[in-house]
Amino acid sequence: MKRRRIVGLSIVATGVIWFQVAGGFEARRIDQQRESRAVSQSQQAKLRIDSERLMDAVATLADPKLEGRAAGSPGGIAARGWIVERFKAIGVQPVSGAYVHPFRYTRMTMNGRQEGDAANVFGFCLGTDPKLPYFVVSAHYDHLGVRDGQVYPGADDDASGVAVILELAAFCQKTPFRHTILFAAFDAEERGLQGAKAFFVKPPVPADRIALNVNLDMVSRNDKREIFIAGTYHYPDLKAPLEEIARRAPITVLFGHDKPVAIAGGVEDWTNQSDHGPFHAAKIPFVYFGVEDHADYHKPTDTADKINRGFFVDVAETILDAVIALDRAR
């Protein structure tokens, strides 16, 4: 994701500010309690998000051995292969006969023309109503790679999003949604949203059969226990089911970062800042989940050990609730 640090807040969803009052210290204390609490076997059976598997996915993708997962690099290719194996193990089906969908991109930078080879990873979870259009649930698996001899692990950006879509896929296989879900792990997001753009150059499913994109990018770190939902400014019919989820969420859910800066009081507009941008350009509604930038954003210090498990699991559960609500509403 490419965005600058900003100042300002959007409107807080009613009734979800109870964790915010005491700030970061209180959030960490609560998360420590969540991590240490005993969970019986019967309770474990009811949990939808597997916290160990969620954290293991981030640790695997952000391992220094993958050298920051730059698009087309050996580490990026290794990360792609690992995601394919996870899709197979979960049981999601290949799309158009394949999980891996290669593409070539060209873009202009300050240093001139840049070209590269990359590949998206797609998998289907079939819905219970085949007449309904598709949902695309996405996250990008690439990051910045190695720069000046330093590895940029990209744990929050965006190994966290990939870890969540893997958990959503596992849930879907056990409890299918009404809509068929196309799970998309996009490549080359850090090089100008190239994977999402390639999706529309050669769509794996007809674009006019896509009802919604749910995009996840940076969803695991915020000391105030806040997550933003962007997109409802452009698609206001999506807000009602999401407000209901926000009211009962164990984290603070904020709506915003989707208005033009001029009418948003200087708050940055994220409408085109991650892989949901090309969907919006194609007039496909989107919902984006993400945290505001933190001190380790786009730095070698964006490591898995910085992630607060309690917050991350609560975000994943909230995103799952949101997808369930949107699946019922559309």
Foldseek 3Di string as FASTA:
>chain_A
DDDDFFDDAFDWQPAFQVLQPVFLVSLLVVLVCVVPDDADPVRVVVDLFDLVLLLVLLQVLLPCVLQQLAFPDPSVVVNLVVLVVLCVVLPFAAQPRHQKAKDKDWDADPVGIDIDIGIKGKTKLAAPAAVAFEEEEEAESGGDGADPRFGARCSLFPSNSSSLLSSLSSSCNVPNFNHMYMYMHFHCQVVPLVRLVVCVVPPSDPLVRYAEYEYEGRQFDDSSLEKEKEFCVVVVVLVVLLSVLQNPANGTYGYDLQDPCVVVVNRHRCCCVGSCVVVVVVVHGYIYMHDRDDPCVSHSPNHSVNGSSSSSSSSSVSVSSSVNSVSVVD
